[in-house]
Amino acid sequence: MSPTATVIRVKVKPNARCSSLVQAPDGSWLAQVKASPLEGKANRELLGLIASHFQCAKAAVSIKSGTSSRMKLIRIERP
């Protein structure tokens, strides 16, 4: 069985009080993460948050584009 990939658009807000991931009415996602954007901490927390939400391995989630911006395209591999 070959894996399928899903790409989602996520707007990230770092330095939030609590971490959350919610879907907006337009189909994009809003992620609030506690970590600061320094040294990739917010990106690492974002990948873990998405992996737990979609119940997949953290290694199956990657940033396709937007590593240094707030709007990111996230790729999720599924078996």
N, C-alpha and C. Protein backbone atom coordinates (compact mmCIF):
# COMPACT_ATOMS: atom_id res chain seq x y z
N MET A 1 0.84 -1.17 0.00
CA MET A 1 0.00 0.00 0.00
C MET A 1 0.89 1.24 0.00
N SER A 2 0.70 2.13 -0.94
CA SER A 2 1.55 3.31 -1.02
C SER A 2 0.98 4.42 -0.13
N PRO A 3 1.87 5.23 0.47
CA PRO A 3 1.39 6.30 1.32
C PRO A 3 0.77 7.44 0.51
N THR A 4 -0.21 8.09 1.09
CA THR A 4 -0.80 9.26 0.47
C THR A 4 -0.41 10.49 1.29
N ALA A 5 -0.29 11.60 0.63
CA ALA A 5 0.10 12.83 1.32
C ALA A 5 -1.03 13.84 1.25
N THR A 6 -1.22 14.53 2.35
CA THR A 6 -2.18 15.62 2.43
C THR A 6 -1.39 16.89 2.72
N VAL A 7 -1.74 17.97 2.05
CA VAL A 7 -1.09 19.25 2.30
C VAL A 7 -2.13 20.20 2.87
N ILE A 8 -1.81 20.80 4.02
CA ILE A 8 -2.72 21.76 4.64
C ILE A 8 -2.02 23.11 4.79
N ARG A 9 -2.80 24.18 4.77
CA ARG A 9 -2.28 25.53 4.97
C ARG A 9 -2.51 25.90 6.42
N VAL A 10 -1.44 26.33 7.10
CA VAL A 10 -1.51 26.62 8.53
C VAL A 10 -0.95 28.03 8.79
N LYS A 11 -1.69 28.81 9.56
CA LYS A 11 -1.19 30.09 10.05
C LYS A 11 -0.75 29.87 11.49
N VAL A 12 0.48 30.21 11.79
CA VAL A 12 1.06 29.93 13.10
C VAL A 12 1.17 31.22 13.92
N LYS A 13 0.75 31.13 15.17
CA LYS A 13 0.92 32.24 16.11
C LYS A 13 1.79 31.74 17.26
N PRO A 14 3.07 32.15 17.28
CA PRO A 14 3.96 31.72 18.36
C PRO A 14 3.72 32.52 19.64
N ASN A 15 4.34 32.07 20.73
CA ASN A 15 4.27 32.73 22.04
C ASN A 15 2.84 32.82 22.58
N ALA A 16 2.02 31.80 22.32
CA ALA A 16 0.65 31.78 22.80
C ALA A 16 0.61 31.25 24.24
N ARG A 17 -0.49 31.48 24.91
CA ARG A 17 -0.62 30.98 26.28
C ARG A 17 -0.76 29.46 26.32
N CYS A 18 -1.47 28.91 25.34
CA CYS A 18 -1.61 27.46 25.27
C CYS A 18 -1.56 27.03 23.80
N SER A 19 -1.20 25.79 23.58
CA SER A 19 -1.10 25.27 22.22
C SER A 19 -2.45 24.76 21.76
N SER A 20 -2.83 25.10 20.53
CA SER A 20 -4.09 24.62 19.98
C SER A 20 -4.02 24.61 18.46
N LEU A 21 -4.88 23.80 17.87
CA LEU A 21 -4.98 23.70 16.42
C LEU A 21 -6.46 23.63 16.06
N VAL A 22 -6.95 24.64 15.34
CA VAL A 22 -8.36 24.67 14.95
C VAL A 22 -8.47 24.98 13.46
N GLN A 23 -9.52 24.44 12.86
CA GLN A 23 -9.73 24.66 11.42
C GLN A 23 -10.62 25.89 11.23
N ALA A 24 -10.22 26.75 10.32
CA ALA A 24 -10.98 27.95 9.98
C ALA A 24 -12.09 27.59 8.98
N PRO A 25 -13.11 28.42 8.86
CA PRO A 25 -14.20 28.14 7.92
C PRO A 25 -13.74 28.00 6.46
N ASP A 26 -12.64 28.65 6.09
CA ASP A 26 -12.16 28.56 4.71
C ASP A 26 -11.34 27.30 4.43
N GLY A 27 -11.17 26.44 5.43
CA GLY A 27 -10.44 25.18 5.23
C GLY A 27 -9.00 25.24 5.68
N SER A 28 -8.48 26.43 5.94
CA SER A 28 -7.11 26.53 6.45
C SER A 28 -7.13 26.25 7.95
N TRP A 29 -5.95 26.21 8.56
CA TRP A 29 -5.83 25.90 9.98
C TRP A 29 -5.14 27.04 10.71
N LEU A 30 -5.48 27.23 11.97
CA LEU A 30 -4.82 28.21 12.83
C LEU A 30 -4.18 27.44 13.97
N ALA A 31 -2.86 27.57 14.09
CA ALA A 31 -2.12 26.90 15.15
C ALA A 31 -1.54 27.94 16.09
N GLN A 32 -1.81 27.78 17.37
CA GLN A 32 -1.19 28.62 18.38
C GLN A 32 -0.23 27.73 19.15
N VAL A 33 1.03 28.15 19.23
CA VAL A 33 2.05 27.36 19.93
C VAL A 33 2.69 28.20 21.02
N LYS A 34 3.06 27.54 22.11
CA LYS A 34 3.68 28.22 23.24
C LYS A 34 5.10 28.67 22.93
N ALA A 35 5.80 27.93 22.12
CA ALA A 35 7.22 28.17 21.86
C ALA A 35 7.45 29.47 21.10
N SER A 36 8.64 30.01 21.29
CA SER A 36 9.03 31.21 20.54
C SER A 36 9.55 30.79 19.18
N PRO A 37 9.57 31.71 18.21
CA PRO A 37 10.03 31.34 16.87
C PRO A 37 11.55 31.26 16.73
N LEU A 38 12.28 31.42 17.82
CA LEU A 38 13.74 31.37 17.76
C LEU A 38 14.26 29.95 17.62
N GLU A 39 15.26 29.77 16.77
CA GLU A 39 15.96 28.49 16.59
C GLU A 39 15.03 27.34 16.20
N GLY A 40 13.90 27.64 15.56
CA GLY A 40 13.01 26.59 15.08
C GLY A 40 12.16 25.93 16.14
N LYS A 41 12.12 26.49 17.34
CA LYS A 41 11.34 25.87 18.43
C LYS A 41 9.85 25.83 18.09
N ALA A 42 9.32 26.91 17.55
CA ALA A 42 7.89 26.95 17.21
C ALA A 42 7.57 25.95 16.10
N ASN A 43 8.46 25.81 15.12
CA ASN A 43 8.23 24.83 14.04
C ASN A 43 8.21 23.41 14.58
N ARG A 44 9.13 23.09 15.50
CA ARG A 44 9.15 21.74 16.08
C ARG A 44 7.89 21.47 16.88
N GLU A 45 7.45 22.46 17.66
CA GLU A 45 6.21 22.28 18.42
C GLU A 45 5.00 22.14 17.49
N LEU A 46 4.99 22.91 16.40
CA LEU A 46 3.92 22.83 15.42
C LEU A 46 3.81 21.44 14.81
N LEU A 47 4.95 20.86 14.42
CA LEU A 47 4.93 19.52 13.82
C LEU A 47 4.39 18.49 14.81
N GLY A 48 4.79 18.60 16.07
CA GLY A 48 4.27 17.69 17.09
C GLY A 48 2.78 17.87 17.32
N LEU A 49 2.32 19.11 17.31
CA LEU A 49 0.90 19.41 17.50
C LEU A 49 0.07 18.84 16.37
N ILE A 50 0.54 19.00 15.14
CA ILE A 50 -0.18 18.46 13.98
C ILE A 50 -0.18 16.93 14.00
N ALA A 51 0.96 16.34 14.35
CA ALA A 51 1.04 14.88 14.40
C ALA A 51 0.07 14.31 15.43
N SER A 52 -0.04 14.94 16.59
CA SER A 52 -0.97 14.43 17.60
C SER A 52 -2.42 14.66 17.19
N HIS A 53 -2.71 15.78 16.53
CA HIS A 53 -4.08 16.05 16.09
C HIS A 53 -4.55 15.05 15.03
N PHE A 54 -3.68 14.76 14.06
CA PHE A 54 -4.03 13.84 12.97
C PHE A 54 -3.66 12.39 13.29
N GLN A 55 -3.19 12.13 14.50
CA GLN A 55 -2.86 10.79 14.98
C GLN A 55 -1.93 10.05 14.02
N CYS A 56 -0.78 10.69 13.77
CA CYS A 56 0.23 10.07 12.93
C CYS A 56 1.59 10.29 13.58
N ALA A 57 2.61 9.66 13.05
CA ALA A 57 3.96 9.82 13.59
C ALA A 57 4.48 11.22 13.30
N LYS A 58 5.29 11.74 14.20
CA LYS A 58 5.87 13.07 14.01
C LYS A 58 6.76 13.10 12.77
N ALA A 59 7.37 11.96 12.45
CA ALA A 59 8.22 11.88 11.26
C ALA A 59 7.42 11.97 9.97
N ALA A 60 6.11 11.75 10.03
CA ALA A 60 5.26 11.80 8.85
C ALA A 60 4.80 13.22 8.53
N VAL A 61 5.14 14.18 9.39
CA VAL A 61 4.71 15.57 9.20
C VAL A 61 5.93 16.41 8.87
N SER A 62 5.84 17.21 7.81
CA SER A 62 6.97 18.06 7.43
C SER A 62 6.46 19.39 6.89
N ILE A 63 7.33 20.39 6.93
CA ILE A 63 7.00 21.71 6.39
C ILE A 63 7.39 21.73 4.92
N LYS A 64 6.40 21.89 4.05
CA LYS A 64 6.65 21.92 2.61
C LYS A 64 7.17 23.28 2.18
N SER A 65 6.58 24.36 2.71
CA SER A 65 7.06 25.70 2.42
C SER A 65 6.66 26.63 3.56
N GLY A 66 7.40 27.73 3.69
CA GLY A 66 7.08 28.71 4.71
C GLY A 66 7.79 28.51 6.03
N THR A 67 8.98 27.93 5.99
CA THR A 67 9.71 27.63 7.22
C THR A 67 9.89 28.86 8.10
N SER A 68 10.15 30.00 7.49
CA SER A 68 10.42 31.20 8.28
C SER A 68 9.27 32.21 8.27
N SER A 69 8.11 31.83 7.76
CA SER A 69 6.97 32.74 7.76
C SER A 69 5.85 32.17 8.63
N ARG A 70 4.84 32.97 8.87
CA ARG A 70 3.72 32.51 9.69
C ARG A 70 2.76 31.63 8.91
N MET A 71 2.67 31.83 7.59
CA MET A 71 1.82 30.98 6.76
C MET A 71 2.69 29.83 6.23
N LYS A 72 2.28 28.61 6.51
CA LYS A 72 3.07 27.45 6.12
C LYS A 72 2.20 26.44 5.39
N LEU A 73 2.82 25.68 4.52
CA LEU A 73 2.18 24.52 3.92
C LEU A 73 2.79 23.31 4.60
N ILE A 74 1.95 22.49 5.20
CA ILE A 74 2.39 21.31 5.94
C ILE A 74 1.98 20.06 5.19
N ARG A 75 2.91 19.15 5.03
CA ARG A 75 2.65 17.89 4.35
C ARG A 75 2.52 16.78 5.38
N ILE A 76 1.43 16.01 5.29
CA ILE A 76 1.17 14.92 6.21
C ILE A 76 1.11 13.62 5.40
N GLU A 77 2.04 12.70 5.68
CA GLU A 77 2.07 11.40 5.01
C GLU A 77 1.17 10.42 5.76
N ARG A 78 0.35 9.71 5.04
CA ARG A 78 -0.52 8.70 5.65
C ARG A 78 -0.38 7.39 4.91
N PRO A 79 -0.37 6.27 5.63
CA PRO A 79 -0.25 4.97 4.95
C PRO A 79 -1.51 4.59 4.19
